[in-house]
C-alpha atoms as a PDB file:
ATOM      1  CA  MET A   1     125.814  93.125 102.497  1.00  0.00           C
ATOM      2  CA  LEU A   2     124.997  89.961 104.448  1.00  0.00           C
ATOM      3  CA  LEU A   3     123.140  92.124 106.948  1.00  0.00           C
ATOM      4  CA  ALA A   4     121.085  93.680 104.177  1.00  0.00           C
ATOM      5  CA  LEU A   5     120.219  90.314 102.632  1.00  0.00           C
ATOM      6  CA  GLY A   6     119.379  88.862 106.028  1.00  0.00           C
ATOM      7  CA  GLY A   7     117.182  91.868 106.726  1.00  0.00           C
ATOM      8  CA  CYS A   8     115.254  91.223 103.533  1.00  0.00           C
ATOM      9  CA  ALA A   9     114.479  87.591 104.465  1.00  0.00           C
ATOM     10  CA  SER A  10     113.618  88.511 108.050  1.00  0.00           C
ATOM     11  CA  LEU A  11     111.308  91.351 107.051  1.00  0.00           C
ATOM     12  CA  GLU A  12     109.547  89.060 104.586  1.00  0.00           C
ATOM     13  CA  ARG A  13     109.027  86.493 107.348  1.00  0.00           C
ATOM     14  CA  ARG A  14     107.771  89.168 109.734  1.00  0.00           C
ATOM     15  CA  LEU A  15     105.274  90.427 107.155  1.00  0.00           C
ATOM     16  CA  GLU A  16     104.033  86.926 106.429  1.00  0.00           C
ATOM     17  CA  ARG A  17     102.495  86.835 109.916  1.00  0.00           C
ATOM     18  CA  GLU A  18     101.526  90.512 110.238  1.00  0.00           C
ATOM     19  CA  PRO A  19      98.020  91.629 109.191  1.00  0.00           C
ATOM     20  CA  ASP A  20      99.191  95.257 108.971  1.00  0.00           C
ATOM     21  CA  VAL A  21     102.125  95.782 106.617  1.00  0.00           C
ATOM     22  CA  LEU A  22     103.128  99.217 107.958  1.00  0.00           C
ATOM     23  CA  GLN A  23     103.040  98.251 111.624  1.00  0.00           C
ATOM     24  CA  GLY A  24     104.761  94.967 110.833  1.00  0.00           C
ATOM     25  CA  THR A  25     107.607  96.780 109.089  1.00  0.00           C
ATOM     26  CA  ALA A  26     108.068  99.198 111.974  1.00  0.00           C
ATOM     27  CA  ARG A  27     108.053  96.319 114.463  1.00  0.00           C
ATOM     28  CA  PHE A  28     110.646  94.471 112.414  1.00  0.00           C
ATOM     29  CA  TYR A  29     113.094  97.355 112.705  1.00  0.00           C
ATOM     30  CA  THR A  30     112.421  98.082 116.378  1.00  0.00           C
ATOM     31  CA  GLU A  31     111.913  94.535 117.697  1.00  0.00           C
ATOM     32  CA  ASP A  32     113.753  92.167 115.332  1.00  0.00           C
ATOM     33  CA  PHE A  33     116.465  94.475 114.019  1.00  0.00           C
ATOM     34  CA  GLY A  34     116.957  96.433 117.242  1.00  0.00           C
ATOM     35  CA  ASP A  35     116.554 100.085 116.230  1.00  0.00           C
ATOM     36  CA  PRO A  36     115.222 102.364 118.985  1.00  0.00           C
ATOM     37  CA  SER A  37     112.591 104.124 116.871  1.00  0.00           C
ATOM     38  CA  CYS A  38     111.012 103.686 113.431  1.00  0.00           C
ATOM     39  CA  VAL A  39     108.057 105.161 111.587  1.00  0.00           C
ATOM     40  CA  VAL A  40     106.682 103.951 108.272  1.00  0.00           C
ATOM     41  CA  ALA A  41     104.400 105.936 105.960  1.00  0.00           C
ATOM     42  CA  VAL A  42     102.611 105.064 102.736  1.00  0.00           C
ATOM     43  CA  ALA A  43     101.059 107.801 100.598  1.00  0.00           C
ATOM     44  CA  ASP A  44      98.957 107.603  97.453  1.00  0.00           C
ATOM     45  CA  SER A  45      96.064 109.458  95.857  1.00  0.00           C
ATOM     46  CA  GLY A  46      93.843 108.382  98.736  1.00  0.00           C
ATOM     47  CA  GLY A  47      95.994 110.057 101.372  1.00  0.00           C
ATOM     48  CA  VAL A  48      98.707 108.988 103.781  1.00  0.00           C
ATOM     49  CA  ARG A  49      98.807 106.395 106.533  1.00  0.00           C
ATOM     50  CA  PHE A  50     101.442 105.887 109.238  1.00  0.00           C
ATOM     51  CA  SER A  51     102.562 102.836 111.161  1.00  0.00           C
ATOM     52  CA  ASP A  52     102.019 104.909 114.305  1.00  0.00           C
ATOM     53  CA  ASP A  53     100.146 108.210 114.175  1.00  0.00           C
ATOM     54  CA  SER A  54     101.925 109.382 117.331  1.00  0.00           C
ATOM     55  CA  LYS A  55     105.262 109.280 115.466  1.00  0.00           C
ATOM     56  CA  ALA A  56     104.079 111.032 112.288  1.00  0.00           C
ATOM     57  CA  HIS A  57     105.612 114.372 113.342  1.00  0.00           C
ATOM     58  CA  ASP A  58     108.735 113.070 115.088  1.00  0.00           C
ATOM     59  CA  LEU A  59     111.912 114.577 113.592  1.00  0.00           C
ATOM     60  CA  TYR A  60     114.473 112.230 112.091  1.00  0.00           C
ATOM     61  CA  ARG A  61     117.834 112.823 110.447  1.00  0.00           C
ATOM     62  CA  ILE A  62     116.871 111.926 106.883  1.00  0.00           C
ATOM     63  CA  ALA A  63     120.383 112.045 105.369  1.00  0.00           C
ATOM     64  CA  SER A  64     120.405 111.686 101.564  1.00  0.00           C
ATOM     65  CA  LEU A  65     116.614 111.809 101.350  1.00  0.00           C
ATOM     66  CA  GLY A  66     117.140 115.499 102.030  1.00  0.00           C
ATOM     67  CA  LYS A  67     118.322 115.829  98.430  1.00  0.00           C
ATOM     68  CA  LEU A  68     114.878 114.773  97.240  1.00  0.00           C
ATOM     69  CA  MET A  69     113.210 117.121  99.711  1.00  0.00           C
ATOM     70  CA  TYR A  70     115.429 119.971  98.499  1.00  0.00           C
ATOM     71  CA  TYR A  71     114.688 119.219  94.837  1.00  0.00           C
ATOM     72  CA  PRO A  72     111.596 121.503  94.741  1.00  0.00           C
ATOM     73  CA  VAL A  73     113.751 124.313  96.162  1.00  0.00           C
ATOM     74  CA  VAL A  74     116.233 123.834  93.331  1.00  0.00           C
ATOM     75  CA  VAL A  75     113.593 123.949  90.599  1.00  0.00           C
ATOM     76  CA  LYS A  76     111.550 126.788  92.153  1.00  0.00           C
ATOM     77  CA  CYS A  77     114.269 129.151  93.401  1.00  0.00           C
ATOM     78  CA  GLY A  78     114.203 131.259  90.213  1.00  0.00           C
ATOM     79  CA  LEU A  79     117.582 130.255  88.762  1.00  0.00           C
ATOM     80  CA  ASP A  80     118.035 129.008  85.217  1.00  0.00           C
ATOM     81  CA  LEU A  81     119.382 125.483  85.705  1.00  0.00           C
ATOM     82  CA  ASP A  82     121.282 125.817  82.409  1.00  0.00           C
ATOM     83  CA  THR A  83     123.501 128.408  84.109  1.00  0.00           C
ATOM     84  CA  LYS A  84     127.157 127.421  84.177  1.00  0.00           C
ATOM     85  CA  VAL A  85     128.354 126.307  87.604  1.00  0.00           C
ATOM     86  CA  ALA A  86     131.428 128.538  87.339  1.00  0.00           C
ATOM     87  CA  GLU A  87     129.210 131.621  86.964  1.00  0.00           C
ATOM     88  CA  VAL A  88     127.425 131.185  90.305  1.00  0.00           C
ATOM     89  CA  ALA A  89     129.911 129.319  92.501  1.00  0.00           C
ATOM     90  CA  PRO A  90     130.925 131.177  95.678  1.00  0.00           C
ATOM     91  CA  PHE A  91     134.613 130.555  94.896  1.00  0.00           C
ATOM     92  CA  ALA A  92     136.911 130.191  91.901  1.00  0.00           C
ATOM     93  CA  LEU A  93     136.632 126.848  90.128  1.00  0.00           C
ATOM     94  CA  PRO A  94     139.159 125.017  87.937  1.00  0.00           C
ATOM     95  CA  PRO A  95     138.645 125.589  84.192  1.00  0.00           C
ATOM     96  CA  GLU A  96     137.210 122.076  83.753  1.00  0.00           C
ATOM     97  CA  TRP A  97     133.998 123.367  85.298  1.00  0.00           C
ATOM     98  CA  ASN A  98     133.310 125.806  82.445  1.00  0.00           C
ATOM     99  CA  ARG A  99     131.345 123.119  80.569  1.00  0.00           C
ATOM    100  CA  TRP A 100     129.036 122.068  83.413  1.00  0.00           C
ATOM    101  CA  THR A 101     125.667 123.530  84.413  1.00  0.00           C
ATOM    102  CA  LEU A 102     123.561 123.501  87.561  1.00  0.00           C
ATOM    103  CA  LYS A 103     121.372 120.884  85.901  1.00  0.00           C
ATOM    104  CA  ASP A 104     124.421 118.673  85.401  1.00  0.00           C
ATOM    105  CA  LEU A 105     125.155 118.928  89.110  1.00  0.00           C
ATOM    106  CA  LEU A 106     121.548 118.144  89.985  1.00  0.00           C
ATOM    107  CA  TYR A 107     121.506 115.005  87.852  1.00  0.00           C
ATOM    108  CA  ASN A 108     124.971 113.707  88.785  1.00  0.00           C
ATOM    109  CA  GLN A 109     126.496 114.248  85.331  1.00  0.00           C
ATOM    110  CA  THR A 110     129.754 116.089  86.133  1.00  0.00           C
ATOM    111  CA  GLY A 111     131.984 113.161  87.049  1.00  0.00           C
ATOM    112  CA  LEU A 112     132.504 114.505  90.567  1.00  0.00           C
ATOM    113  CA  PRO A 113     132.877 111.468  92.870  1.00  0.00           C
ATOM    114  CA  ARG A 114     130.502 110.345  95.574  1.00  0.00           C
ATOM    115  CA  GLU A 115     132.949 111.504  98.273  1.00  0.00           C
ATOM    116  CA  PHE A 116     136.269 113.289  98.599  1.00  0.00           C
ATOM    117  CA  GLN A 117     138.305 110.368  99.926  1.00  0.00           C
ATOM    118  CA  GLY A 118     141.032 112.195 101.755  1.00  0.00           C
ATOM    119  CA  THR A 119     143.367 111.058 104.528  1.00  0.00           C
ATOM    120  CA  PHE A 120     141.841 108.457 106.890  1.00  0.00           C
ATOM    121  CA  PHE A 121     138.504 108.617 105.052  1.00  0.00           C
ATOM    122  CA  TRP A 122     137.411 105.098 105.928  1.00  0.00           C
ATOM    123  CA  PHE A 123     138.635 105.371 109.502  1.00  0.00           C
ATOM    124  CA  LYS A 124     136.435 108.441 109.902  1.00  0.00           C
ATOM    125  CA  ALA A 125     133.512 106.735 108.163  1.00  0.00           C
ATOM    126  CA  ILE A 126     133.576 103.813 110.598  1.00  0.00           C
ATOM    127  CA  ASN A 127     134.448 105.659 113.787  1.00  0.00           C
ATOM    128  CA  CYS A 128     133.047 109.171 113.464  1.00  0.00           C
ATOM    129  CA  GLY A 129     129.994 108.501 115.613  1.00  0.00           C
ATOM    130  CA  ALA A 130     132.165 107.317 118.472  1.00  0.00           C
ATOM    131  CA  PHE A 131     134.630 110.207 118.415  1.00  0.00           C
ATOM    132  CA  GLY A 132     132.418 113.104 117.381  1.00  0.00           C
ATOM    133  CA  ILE A 133     134.189 113.675 114.055  1.00  0.00           C
ATOM    134  CA  HIS A 134     132.723 113.066 110.636  1.00  0.00           C
ATOM    135  CA  ILE A 135     133.956 112.159 107.190  1.00  0.00           C
ATOM    136  CA  TYR A 136     133.237 115.641 105.824  1.00  0.00           C
ATOM    137  CA  GLY A 137     134.911 117.496 108.672  1.00  0.00           C
ATOM    138  CA  ASP A 138     137.934 118.477 106.568  1.00  0.00           C
ATOM    139  CA  TYR A 139     135.773 120.543 104.224  1.00  0.00           C
ATOM    140  CA  ASP A 140     132.874 121.818 106.286  1.00  0.00           C
ATOM    141  CA  GLU A 141     133.497 125.325 105.034  1.00  0.00           C
ATOM    142  CA  PRO A 142     133.188 126.448 101.390  1.00  0.00           C
ATOM    143  CA  GLU A 143     136.855 127.480 101.201  1.00  0.00           C
ATOM    144  CA  GLU A 144     137.958 124.018 102.339  1.00  0.00           C
ATOM    145  CA  PHE A 145     135.612 122.429  99.814  1.00  0.00           C
ATOM    146  CA  ALA A 146     137.073 124.609  97.049  1.00  0.00           C
ATOM    147  CA  ASP A 147     140.592 123.443  97.894  1.00  0.00           C
ATOM    148  CA  GLU A 148     139.507 119.853  97.268  1.00  0.00           C
ATOM    149  CA  LEU A 149     138.109 120.720  93.839  1.00  0.00           C
ATOM    150  CA  TRP A 150     141.527 122.000  92.752  1.00  0.00           C
ATOM    151  CA  LYS A 151     143.267 118.710  93.527  1.00  0.00           C
ATOM    152  CA  PRO A 152     144.487 116.975  90.328  1.00  0.00           C
ATOM    153  CA  LYS A 153     142.550 113.733  90.832  1.00  0.00           C
ATOM    154  CA  TYR A 154     139.202 115.550  91.079  1.00  0.00           C
ATOM    155  CA  ARG A 155     140.049 117.846  88.191  1.00  0.00           C
ATOM    156  CA  ARG A 156     140.690 114.769  86.035  1.00  0.00           C
ATOM    157  CA  MET A 157     137.335 113.274  87.058  1.00  0.00           C
ATOM    158  CA  VAL A 158     135.455 116.461  86.186  1.00  0.00           C
ATOM    159  CA  GLU A 159     137.328 116.747  82.888  1.00  0.00           C
ATOM    160  CA  ALA A 160     136.219 113.217  81.951  1.00  0.00           C
ATOM    161  CA  GLY A 161     132.637 113.745  83.167  1.00  0.00           C
ATOM    162  CA  GLY A 162     130.161 110.896  83.472  1.00  0.00           C
ATOM    163  CA  GLU A 163     127.180 109.910  85.567  1.00  0.00           C
ATOM    164  CA  THR A 164     128.195 109.271  89.181  1.00  0.00           C
ATOM    165  CA  TYR A 165     125.988 109.702  92.229  1.00  0.00           C
ATOM    166  CA  SER A 166     127.751 112.473  94.134  1.00  0.00           C
ATOM    167  CA  ASN A 167     127.234 113.827  97.622  1.00  0.00           C
ATOM    168  CA  MET A 168     129.884 116.378  96.756  1.00  0.00           C
ATOM    169  CA  GLY A 169     128.003 117.513  93.672  1.00  0.00           C
ATOM    170  CA  PHE A 170     124.786 118.203  95.558  1.00  0.00           C
ATOM    171  CA  GLY A 171     126.724 120.099  98.207  1.00  0.00           C
ATOM    172  CA  LEU A 172     128.241 122.274  95.494  1.00  0.00           C
ATOM    173  CA  LEU A 173     124.788 122.770  93.957  1.00  0.00           C
ATOM    174  CA  GLY A 174     123.428 123.966  97.301  1.00  0.00           C
ATOM    175  CA  MET A 175     126.292 126.437  97.721  1.00  0.00           C
ATOM    176  CA  CYS A 176     125.823 127.794  94.192  1.00  0.00           C
ATOM    177  CA  ILE A 177     122.104 128.384  94.709  1.00  0.00           C
ATOM    178  CA  SER A 178     122.658 130.121  98.040  1.00  0.00           C
ATOM    179  CA  HIS A 179     125.381 132.324  96.554  1.00  0.00           C
ATOM    180  CA  ALA A 180     123.343 133.244  93.477  1.00  0.00           C
ATOM    181  CA  THR A 181     120.145 134.030  95.403  1.00  0.00           C
ATOM    182  CA  GLY A 182     121.825 135.648  98.403  1.00  0.00           C
ATOM    183  CA  LYS A 183     119.832 133.393 100.767  1.00  0.00           C
ATOM    184  CA  THR A 184     120.987 130.656 103.113  1.00  0.00           C
ATOM    185  CA  SER A 185     119.858 127.088 102.529  1.00  0.00           C
ATOM    186  CA  GLU A 186     117.567 127.402 105.560  1.00  0.00           C
ATOM    187  CA  GLU A 187     115.960 130.575 104.173  1.00  0.00           C
ATOM    188  CA  LEU A 188     115.477 128.952 100.770  1.00  0.00           C
ATOM    189  CA  LEU A 189     113.949 125.885 102.374  1.00  0.00           C
ATOM    190  CA  GLU A 190     111.479 128.033 104.318  1.00  0.00           C
ATOM    191  CA  VAL A 191     110.406 130.124 101.315  1.00  0.00           C
ATOM    192  CA  HIS A 192     110.263 127.463  98.607  1.00  0.00           C
ATOM    193  CA  LEU A 193     109.390 124.320 100.567  1.00  0.00           C
ATOM    194  CA  ALA A 194     108.084 124.769 104.116  1.00  0.00           C
ATOM    195  CA  GLU A 195     105.655 127.609 103.393  1.00  0.00           C
ATOM    196  CA  PRO A 196     104.133 126.430 100.077  1.00  0.00           C
ATOM    197  CA  TYR A 197     103.810 122.807 101.198  1.00  0.00           C
ATOM    198  CA  GLY A 198     102.601 123.618 104.699  1.00  0.00           C
ATOM    199  CA  LEU A 199     105.443 121.797 106.438  1.00  0.00           C
ATOM    200  CA  ASP A 200     105.809 121.851 110.214  1.00  0.00           C
ATOM    201  CA  ASP A 201     108.842 119.654 110.832  1.00  0.00           C
ATOM    202  CA  THR A 202     111.472 120.279 108.147  1.00  0.00           C
ATOM    203  CA  THR A 203     114.673 122.243 108.732  1.00  0.00           C
ATOM    204  CA  PHE A 204     118.447 122.257 108.633  1.00  0.00           C
ATOM    205  CA  GLU A 205     118.513 123.997 112.027  1.00  0.00           C
ATOM    206  CA  PRO A 206     116.172 122.345 114.551  1.00  0.00           C
ATOM    207  CA  GLU A 207     117.872 124.178 117.407  1.00  0.00           C
ATOM    208  CA  SER A 208     116.324 127.387 116.002  1.00  0.00           C
ATOM    209  CA  HIS A 209     112.847 125.918 116.515  1.00  0.00           C
ATOM    210  CA  PRO A 210     112.162 124.891 120.142  1.00  0.00           C
ATOM    211  CA  GLU A 211     108.916 123.180 119.157  1.00  0.00           C
ATOM    212  CA  MET A 212     110.876 120.982 116.724  1.00  0.00           C
ATOM    213  CA  MET A 213     113.587 120.161 119.248  1.00  0.00           C
ATOM    214  CA  ALA A 214     110.907 118.710 121.493  1.00  0.00           C
ATOM    215  CA  ARG A 215     110.110 116.186 118.737  1.00  0.00           C
ATOM    216  CA  LEU A 216     113.690 115.409 117.644  1.00  0.00           C
ATOM    217  CA  THR A 217     114.583 111.737 117.986  1.00  0.00           C
ATOM    218  CA  PRO A 218     117.874 111.047 119.801  1.00  0.00           C
ATOM    219  CA  CYS A 219     121.055 110.344 117.864  1.00  0.00           C
ATOM    220  CA  LEU A 220     121.818 106.664 118.541  1.00  0.00           C
ATOM    221  CA  ALA A 221     124.065 103.868 117.328  1.00  0.00           C
ATOM    222  CA  GLY A 222     122.826 101.093 115.097  1.00  0.00           C
ATOM    223  CA  SER A 223     125.121  98.712 113.240  1.00  0.00           C
ATOM    224  CA  LEU A 224     127.547 101.656 113.229  1.00  0.00           C
ATOM    225  CA  PRO A 225     129.760 102.847 114.792  1.00  0.00           C
ATOM    226  CA  TRP A 226     131.188  99.362 115.176  1.00  0.00           C
ATOM    227  CA  ASP A 227     132.589 100.038 118.671  1.00  0.00           C
ATOM    228  CA  THR A 228     129.365 101.439 120.186  1.00  0.00           C
ATOM    229  CA  ARG A 229     126.568  99.214 121.484  1.00  0.00           C
ATOM    230  CA  ARG A 230     123.340  99.428 119.509  1.00  0.00           C
ATOM    231  CA  GLY A 231     120.966 102.001 120.963  1.00  0.00           C
ATOM    232  CA  ARG A 232     123.663 103.930 122.822  1.00  0.00           C
ATOM    233  CA  PRO A 233     123.949 107.705 122.238  1.00  0.00           C
ATOM    234  CA  VAL A 234     126.531 108.860 119.697  1.00  0.00           C
ATOM    235  CA  PRO A 235     127.807 112.413 119.076  1.00  0.00           C
ATOM    236  CA  GLU A 236     125.677 114.247 116.561  1.00  0.00           C
ATOM    237  CA  ASN A 237     127.444 115.002 113.278  1.00  0.00           C
ATOM    238  CA  ARG A 238     126.040 118.237 111.872  1.00  0.00           C
ATOM    239  CA  LEU A 239     127.244 118.843 108.344  1.00  0.00           C
ATOM    240  CA  GLY A 240     128.932 122.189 107.762  1.00  0.00           C
ATOM    241  CA  LEU A 241     127.887 124.972 105.420  1.00  0.00           C
ATOM    242  CA  ALA A 242     129.479 123.312 102.396  1.00  0.00           C
ATOM    243  CA  LEU A 243     127.503 120.077 102.546  1.00  0.00           C
ATOM    244  CA  ARG A 244     124.377 120.646 104.590  1.00  0.00           C
ATOM    245  CA  THR A 245     122.097 120.274 101.546  1.00  0.00           C
ATOM    246  CA  THR A 246     123.618 116.897 100.733  1.00  0.00           C
ATOM    247  CA  GLY A 247     122.456 115.253 103.958  1.00  0.00           C
ATOM    248  CA  GLY A 248     121.951 117.666 106.843  1.00  0.00           C
ATOM    249  CA  MET A 249     118.160 117.967 106.750  1.00  0.00           C
ATOM    250  CA  PHE A 250     115.739 116.979 109.515  1.00  0.00           C
ATOM    251  CA  SER A 251     112.138 116.083 108.723  1.00  0.00           C
ATOM    252  CA  SER A 252     109.175 113.913 109.642  1.00  0.00           C
ATOM    253  CA  ALA A 253     107.197 111.211 107.882  1.00  0.00           C
ATOM    254  CA  ALA A 254     104.210 113.586 107.712  1.00  0.00           C
ATOM    255  CA  ASP A 255     106.175 116.351 105.975  1.00  0.00           C
ATOM    256  CA  MET A 256     107.979 113.984 103.635  1.00  0.00           C
ATOM    257  CA  ALA A 257     104.719 112.405 102.493  1.00  0.00           C
ATOM    258  CA  LYS A 258     103.434 115.866 101.521  1.00  0.00           C
ATOM    259  CA  VAL A 259     106.515 116.681  99.460  1.00  0.00           C
ATOM    260  CA  PHE A 260     106.978 113.259  97.887  1.00  0.00           C
ATOM    261  CA  MET A 261     103.402 113.231  96.566  1.00  0.00           C
ATOM    262  CA  SER A 262     103.869 116.656  94.947  1.00  0.00           C
ATOM    263  CA  ASP A 263     103.842 117.292  91.210  1.00  0.00           C
ATOM    264  CA  GLU A 264     107.504 118.424  91.302  1.00  0.00           C
ATOM    265  CA  ILE A 265     108.694 115.113  92.730  1.00  0.00           C
ATOM    266  CA  TRP A 266     106.578 112.983  90.411  1.00  0.00           C
ATOM    267  CA  ARG A 267     107.938 114.902  87.428  1.00  0.00           C
ATOM    268  CA  MET A 268     111.390 113.885  88.664  1.00  0.00           C
ATOM    269  CA  VAL A 269     110.239 110.255  88.884  1.00  0.00           C
ATOM    270  CA  ASP A 270     108.798 110.518  85.372  1.00  0.00           C
ATOM    271  CA  GLU A 271     112.168 111.786  84.130  1.00  0.00           C
ATOM    272  CA  ALA A 272     113.835 108.760  85.731  1.00  0.00           C
ATOM    273  CA  GLU A 273     111.394 106.478  83.917  1.00  0.00           C
ATOM    274  CA  ARG A 274     112.133 108.149  80.588  1.00  0.00           C
ATOM    275  CA  SER A 275     115.830 107.375  81.031  1.00  0.00           C
ATOM    276  CA  GLY A 276     115.039 103.849  79.848  1.00  0.00           C
ATOM    277  CA  ARG A 277     115.588 100.437  81.396  1.00  0.00           C
ATOM    278  CA  LEU A 278     118.604 100.581  83.684  1.00  0.00           C
ATOM    279  CA  GLU A 279     120.555  97.835  85.358  1.00  0.00           C
ATOM    280  CA  GLU A 280     119.525  96.904  88.900  1.00  0.00           C
ATOM    281  CA  GLY A 281     120.722  99.702  91.191  1.00  0.00           C
ATOM    282  CA  GLY A 282     121.402 102.013  88.253  1.00  0.00           C
ATOM    283  CA  VAL A 283     121.445 105.780  88.805  1.00  0.00           C
ATOM    284  CA  ALA A 284     118.560 107.817  87.389  1.00  0.00           C
ATOM    285  CA  GLY A 285     119.215 111.406  88.434  1.00  0.00           C
ATOM    286  CA  LEU A 286     118.788 111.541  92.212  1.00  0.00           C
ATOM    287  CA  LEU A 287     117.211 108.079  92.316  1.00  0.00           C
ATOM    288  CA  ARG A 288     118.217 104.475  91.776  1.00  0.00           C
ATOM    289  CA  VAL A 289     116.159 101.687  90.219  1.00  0.00           C
ATOM    290  CA  HIS A 290     115.145  98.338  91.692  1.00  0.00           C
ATOM    291  CA  TYR A 291     113.097  95.680  89.912  1.00  0.00           C
ATOM    292  CA  LEU A 292     110.378  93.909  91.859  1.00  0.00           C
ATOM    293  CA  LYS A 293     109.605  90.211  91.555  1.00  0.00           C
ATOM    294  CA  ASP A 294     107.068  90.909  88.807  1.00  0.00           C
ATOM    295  CA  GLY A 295     109.623  92.959  86.861  1.00  0.00           C
ATOM    296  CA  SER A 296     108.082  96.331  87.683  1.00  0.00           C
ATOM    297  CA  PRO A 297     110.599  99.114  88.429  1.00  0.00           C
ATOM    298  CA  ILE A 298     110.558 101.199  91.554  1.00  0.00           C
ATOM    299  CA  TYR A 299     112.746 104.261  92.072  1.00  0.00           C
ATOM    300  CA  TYR A 300     114.315 104.545  95.488  1.00  0.00           C
ATOM    301  CA  ARG A 301     116.842 106.328  97.663  1.00  0.00           C
ATOM    302  CA  HIS A 302     118.606 105.241 100.852  1.00  0.00           C
ATOM    303  CA  GLY A 303     120.019 107.658 103.394  1.00  0.00           C
ATOM    304  CA  MET A 304     122.464 107.224 106.265  1.00  0.00           C
ATOM    305  CA  ILE A 305     124.030 109.642 108.721  1.00  0.00           C
ATOM    306  CA  TYR A 306     125.018 109.201 112.352  1.00  0.00           C
ATOM    307  CA  GLY A 307     121.745 108.925 114.248  1.00  0.00           C
ATOM    308  CA  GLY A 308     119.560 108.350 111.194  1.00  0.00           C
ATOM    309  CA  SER A 309     118.718 105.860 108.442  1.00  0.00           C
ATOM    310  CA  SER A 310     116.063 106.488 105.816  1.00  0.00           C
ATOM    311  CA  PHE A 311     114.456 104.929 102.747  1.00  0.00           C
ATOM    312  CA  VAL A 312     111.925 106.004 100.147  1.00  0.00           C
ATOM    313  CA  ALA A 313     110.452 104.087  97.219  1.00  0.00           C
ATOM    314  CA  PHE A 314     108.318 105.457  94.395  1.00  0.00           C
ATOM    315  CA  GLU A 315     106.025 103.081  92.472  1.00  0.00           C
ATOM    316  CA  PRO A 316     105.173 104.833  89.195  1.00  0.00           C
ATOM    317  CA  ASP A 317     102.395 102.459  88.152  1.00  0.00           C
ATOM    318  CA  MET A 318     100.611 102.857  91.520  1.00  0.00           C
ATOM    319  CA  LYS A 319     101.714 106.467  92.085  1.00  0.00           C
ATOM    320  CA  ARG A 320     102.516 105.391  95.618  1.00  0.00           C
ATOM    321  CA  VAL A 321     105.309 106.385  97.989  1.00  0.00           C
ATOM    322  CA  THR A 322     106.694 104.312 100.843  1.00  0.00           C
ATOM    323  CA  ILE A 323     108.859 105.990 103.510  1.00  0.00           C
ATOM    324  CA  ILE A 324     110.852 104.395 106.341  1.00  0.00           C
ATOM    325  CA  LEU A 325     112.616 106.583 108.942  1.00  0.00           C
ATOM    326  CA  ARG A 326     114.826 105.257 111.753  1.00  0.00           C
ATOM    327  CA  ASN A 327     116.877 107.044 114.409  1.00  0.00           C
ATOM    328  CA  ALA A 328     119.945 104.794 114.377  1.00  0.00           C
ATOM    329  CA  THR A 329     122.914 104.444 112.044  1.00  0.00           C
ATOM    330  CA  ASN A 330     122.754 101.486 109.659  1.00  0.00           C
ATOM    331  CA  TRP A 331     124.118 100.591 106.270  1.00  0.00           C
ATOM    332  CA  PRO A 332     121.605 100.979 103.433  1.00  0.00           C
ATOM    333  CA  ASP A 333     119.119  98.157 103.842  1.00  0.00           C
ATOM    334  CA  ASP A 334     117.946  96.272 100.761  1.00  0.00           C
ATOM    335  CA  GLY A 335     115.390  94.524 102.953  1.00  0.00           C
ATOM    336  CA  ALA A 336     113.230  97.633 102.792  1.00  0.00           C
ATOM    337  CA  TYR A 337     112.003  96.483  99.365  1.00  0.00           C
ATOM    338  CA  ALA A 338     110.000  93.785 101.150  1.00  0.00           C
ATOM    339  CA  ILE A 339     107.354  96.265 102.286  1.00  0.00           C
ATOM    340  CA  VAL A 340     106.779  97.361  98.690  1.00  0.00           C
ATOM    341  CA  GLU A 341     106.430  93.732  97.601  1.00  0.00           C
ATOM    342  CA  ALA A 342     104.001  93.068 100.453  1.00  0.00           C
ATOM    343  CA  LEU A 343     101.827  96.073  99.637  1.00  0.00           C
ATOM    344  CA  ARG A 344     101.617  94.973  96.002  1.00  0.00           C
ATOM    345  CA  SER A 345     100.795  91.356  96.783  1.00  0.00           C
ATOM    346  CA  ARG A 346      97.917  92.099  99.155  1.00  0.00           C
ATOM    347  CA  LYS A 347      94.722  94.067  99.049  1.00  0.00           C
ATOM    348  CA  TRP A 348      95.417  97.097 101.204  1.00  0.00           C
ATOM    349  CA  SER A 349      92.667  99.288 102.603  1.00  0.00           C
ATOM    350  CA  ARG A 350      92.969 102.778 104.027  1.00  0.00           C
ATOM    351  CA  ASP A 351      92.345 101.432 107.531  1.00  0.00           C
ATOM    352  CA  GLY A 352      95.529  99.385 107.220  1.00  0.00           C
ATOM    353  CA  SER A 353      93.971  95.917 107.069  1.00  0.00           C
ATOM    354  CA  THR A 354      95.481  93.590 104.480  1.00  0.00           C
ATOM    355  CA  VAL A 355      94.427  90.247 103.057  1.00  0.00           C
ATOM    356  CA  ARG A 356      96.199  87.990 100.615  1.00  0.00           C
ATOM    357  CA  GLU A 357      95.081  87.973  97.018  1.00  0.00           C
END
């Protein structure tokens, strides 16, 4: 937490002396913070601008931002989201699931926890980049995932229900959609996202696309793993079939700007707004809320996986999206809000020049 707060102050100081907010933010992460690579994008009705055009199509591991990218697939795949989860799951579920729908999974309503915290969970979370294991390795396959759902502690959580941001829930949602449609998550992504949005850089399987592999950023250490020097290579943690939709996507700032400015995503943001005033950091579907210095809400999402850190913020009143992608592993960084504050406090032109009000 101290790192996040320090990052906020440092980014604010960096931006105080930078004429270009996007380039200043990218330089903060690569020069001040020490990440090997960073690209920043801002999109609005006037188009999209990048901190560095040469990095616009570089592939990053976008972690939990993949949930937002997969959202249009979920709503456009042809399934009724009021369908009961138990009817389309690829395995038998405990009876507690008979009350929950795909929509409940999508909006984190089932009570399923953020993670399955099995044996040595935190040891794996801290060390997995160094040893080539990952925290989800015990349930990479659907059958292993199903075994977890039958454990008494998770059955009690699902019986009680409640709104809890859940990586596990989105993984289960992805498996249900693939099972019901008879298509893999990669096939669904291609049909319902890549083709209609004209994406060139988005996939779960970059190794299947040689032209993408040439643009894939290396998997490097950041503040994690704790026993690996920043910027050193770490083993890549590919999520298995059970959880790839929860954080296994690769994409670029260019592709993400296209999707995040789409009508489907802004309808999701509108739904978050209609949920009413939430506490700072409160969950609104797939997003969380943060209040700016002037009291205006933004809806955001952090992502972290070994070799990637990501951030997106939606400003409803400006209909503007800010994206930060980095190729190192870092805890979610609250300092990223500083770029949104800076963009709002200055006059910002399409050529990137900024002046104080």
